[in-house]
Amino acid sequence: MATKTLTTDTFTQEVQSDGIVLVDFWADWCGPCKMFAPIFEDASEKHPDLTFGKVDTDAEPALGQALQITSIPTLMIFRDGIRVFAQAGALPGPELTSLIDQARKLPMDEIRAQIAEEEAKQTGAEPGEQQGEHPDRQ
């Protein structure tokens, strides 16, 4: 599968979809980005069941800023709408393959439960309950 160009308009829809989405943040003037590009493209061909997207940070500066991209290339991996990996720097092919394998094996039910627990702590609610529904807080 070829890589997709992601923009501010398409980014959220792509990364919130089911499955694994790898996103390469890059710019045309960036030497390490040019070194990583064929590795990323090769991985997209070897893993046609995954989505591979590219964000040109020069063309989409607001997107890079919103995601706090401070160095390129930066690779982000999303699974089922959850960002599970982010790292700046050009990765060698075997390391990218290893990351893809790790993303496939993630226990997403456990990760969702951890996220719900953290969100509940921040809001003061019990995990799994809506704010204002706790009987002791009415």
Protein backbone atom coordinates (compact mmCIF):
# COMPACT_ATOMS: atom_id res chain seq x y z
CA MET A 1 0.00 0.00 0.00
CA ALA A 2 1.33 3.41 -0.85
CA THR A 3 1.57 6.09 1.78
CA LYS A 4 -1.19 8.67 2.15
CA THR A 5 -0.66 12.40 2.41
CA LEU A 6 -2.34 13.58 5.60
CA THR A 7 -3.52 17.14 6.13
CA THR A 8 -5.19 19.06 8.93
CA ASP A 9 -8.52 18.10 7.34
CA THR A 10 -7.80 14.35 7.09
CA PHE A 11 -5.45 13.63 10.01
CA THR A 12 -7.99 13.07 12.79
CA GLN A 13 -10.21 10.80 10.70
CA GLU A 14 -7.24 8.64 9.68
CA VAL A 15 -5.63 8.24 13.10
CA GLN A 16 -8.94 7.64 14.89
CA SER A 17 -9.86 4.76 12.60
CA ASP A 18 -9.61 1.15 13.73
CA GLY A 19 -6.30 -0.57 13.19
CA ILE A 20 -2.72 0.65 13.13
CA VAL A 21 -1.77 3.96 11.55
CA LEU A 22 1.86 5.03 11.20
CA VAL A 23 2.51 8.72 10.56
CA ASP A 24 5.79 10.21 9.35
CA PHE A 25 6.20 13.95 9.98
CA TRP A 26 8.72 15.31 7.50
CA ALA A 27 9.83 18.27 5.37
CA ASP A 28 11.41 18.46 1.93
CA TRP A 29 14.55 20.24 3.17
CA CYS A 30 15.24 17.66 5.92
CA GLY A 31 18.14 15.30 5.15
CA PRO A 32 17.24 12.62 7.73
CA CYS A 33 13.65 12.74 6.42
CA LYS A 34 14.92 11.88 2.95
CA MET A 35 16.89 8.96 4.41
CA PHE A 36 13.82 7.65 6.28
CA ALA A 37 11.35 8.09 3.37
CA PRO A 38 12.32 4.90 1.44
CA ILE A 39 12.34 2.87 4.67
CA PHE A 40 8.83 4.10 5.49
CA GLU A 41 7.64 3.45 1.92
CA ASP A 42 9.14 -0.06 1.95
CA ALA A 43 7.36 -0.83 5.24
CA SER A 44 4.08 0.37 3.72
CA GLU A 45 4.50 -2.14 0.90
CA LYS A 46 5.38 -4.98 3.30
CA HIS A 47 2.38 -4.24 5.56
CA PRO A 48 -0.57 -3.49 3.24
CA ASP A 49 -3.03 -4.11 6.09
CA LEU A 50 -1.77 -0.99 7.91
CA THR A 51 -2.22 2.67 7.10
CA PHE A 52 0.91 4.72 6.44
CA GLY A 53 0.50 8.48 6.35
CA LYS A 54 2.88 11.37 5.81
CA VAL A 55 2.52 14.92 7.09
CA ASP A 56 4.60 17.63 5.42
CA THR A 57 5.27 19.94 8.37
CA ASP A 58 5.98 22.87 6.03
CA ALA A 59 2.60 22.47 4.32
CA GLU A 60 0.77 21.70 7.59
CA PRO A 61 2.49 23.82 10.27
CA ALA A 62 -0.61 24.00 12.50
CA LEU A 63 -0.81 20.20 12.63
CA GLY A 64 2.84 19.86 13.57
CA GLN A 65 2.41 22.53 16.21
CA ALA A 66 -0.75 20.93 17.66
CA LEU A 67 1.09 17.61 18.02
CA GLN A 68 4.17 19.33 19.46
CA ILE A 69 6.48 18.18 16.68
CA THR A 70 9.79 19.87 17.48
CA SER A 71 12.13 17.71 15.42
CA ILE A 72 11.75 15.85 12.14
CA PRO A 73 11.45 13.21 11.06
CA THR A 74 9.07 12.17 13.82
CA LEU A 75 7.23 8.87 13.69
CA MET A 76 3.93 8.39 15.50
CA ILE A 77 1.99 5.15 15.70
CA PHE A 78 -1.71 5.09 16.51
CA ARG A 79 -3.73 1.98 17.22
CA ASP A 80 -7.52 2.11 17.33
CA GLY A 81 -7.35 5.89 17.73
CA ILE A 82 -4.82 5.88 20.57
CA ARG A 83 -1.29 7.21 20.13
CA VAL A 84 0.95 4.36 21.28
CA PHE A 85 4.35 5.58 20.06
CA ALA A 86 6.11 8.82 19.17
CA GLN A 87 9.79 9.34 18.48
CA ALA A 88 11.91 11.82 16.58
CA GLY A 89 14.71 10.62 14.33
CA ALA A 90 15.14 8.43 11.28
CA LEU A 91 14.72 4.78 12.21
CA PRO A 92 16.48 1.91 10.46
CA GLY A 93 14.25 -0.61 8.70
CA PRO A 94 14.62 -3.42 11.26
CA GLU A 95 13.70 -1.06 14.11
CA LEU A 96 10.59 0.11 12.25
CA THR A 97 9.61 -3.52 11.62
CA SER A 98 10.08 -4.27 15.31
CA LEU A 99 7.86 -1.31 16.28
CA ILE A 100 5.15 -2.51 13.90
CA ASP A 101 5.30 -5.99 15.46
CA GLN A 102 5.07 -4.48 18.94
CA ALA A 103 2.09 -2.32 17.94
CA ARG A 104 0.30 -5.42 16.62
CA LYS A 105 0.78 -7.20 19.98
CA LEU A 106 -0.36 -4.39 22.26
CA PRO A 107 -3.10 -5.38 24.75
CA MET A 108 -5.52 -2.64 23.71
CA ASP A 109 -8.20 -3.55 26.26
CA GLU A 110 -5.66 -3.04 29.05
CA ILE A 111 -4.46 0.22 27.51
CA ARG A 112 -8.04 1.53 27.23
CA ALA A 113 -8.64 0.58 30.89
CA GLN A 114 -5.48 2.44 31.95
CA ILE A 115 -6.54 5.52 30.00
CA ALA A 116 -10.02 5.42 31.54
CA GLU A 117 -8.47 5.11 35.01
CA GLU A 118 -6.16 8.09 34.40
CA GLU A 119 -9.03 10.19 33.04
CA ALA A 120 -11.16 9.26 36.06
CA LYS A 121 -8.38 10.36 38.42
CA GLN A 122 -8.17 13.70 36.65
CA THR A 123 -11.92 14.31 36.88
CA GLY A 124 -12.40 12.77 40.32
CA ALA A 125 -14.81 10.13 39.00
CA GLU A 126 -14.52 6.40 39.50
CA PRO A 127 -13.32 4.47 36.41
CA GLY A 128 -16.27 3.67 34.17
CA GLU A 129 -18.67 6.18 35.72
CA GLN A 130 -19.95 9.41 34.28
CA GLN A 131 -19.25 12.60 36.15
CA GLY A 132 -22.05 13.36 38.58
CA GLU A 133 -23.29 9.76 38.77
CA HIS A 134 -21.48 8.71 41.95
CA PRO A 135 -24.14 8.25 44.70
CA ASP A 136 -21.92 9.85 47.37
CA ARG A 137 -21.47 12.97 45.26
CA GLN A 138 -25.10 13.85 44.56
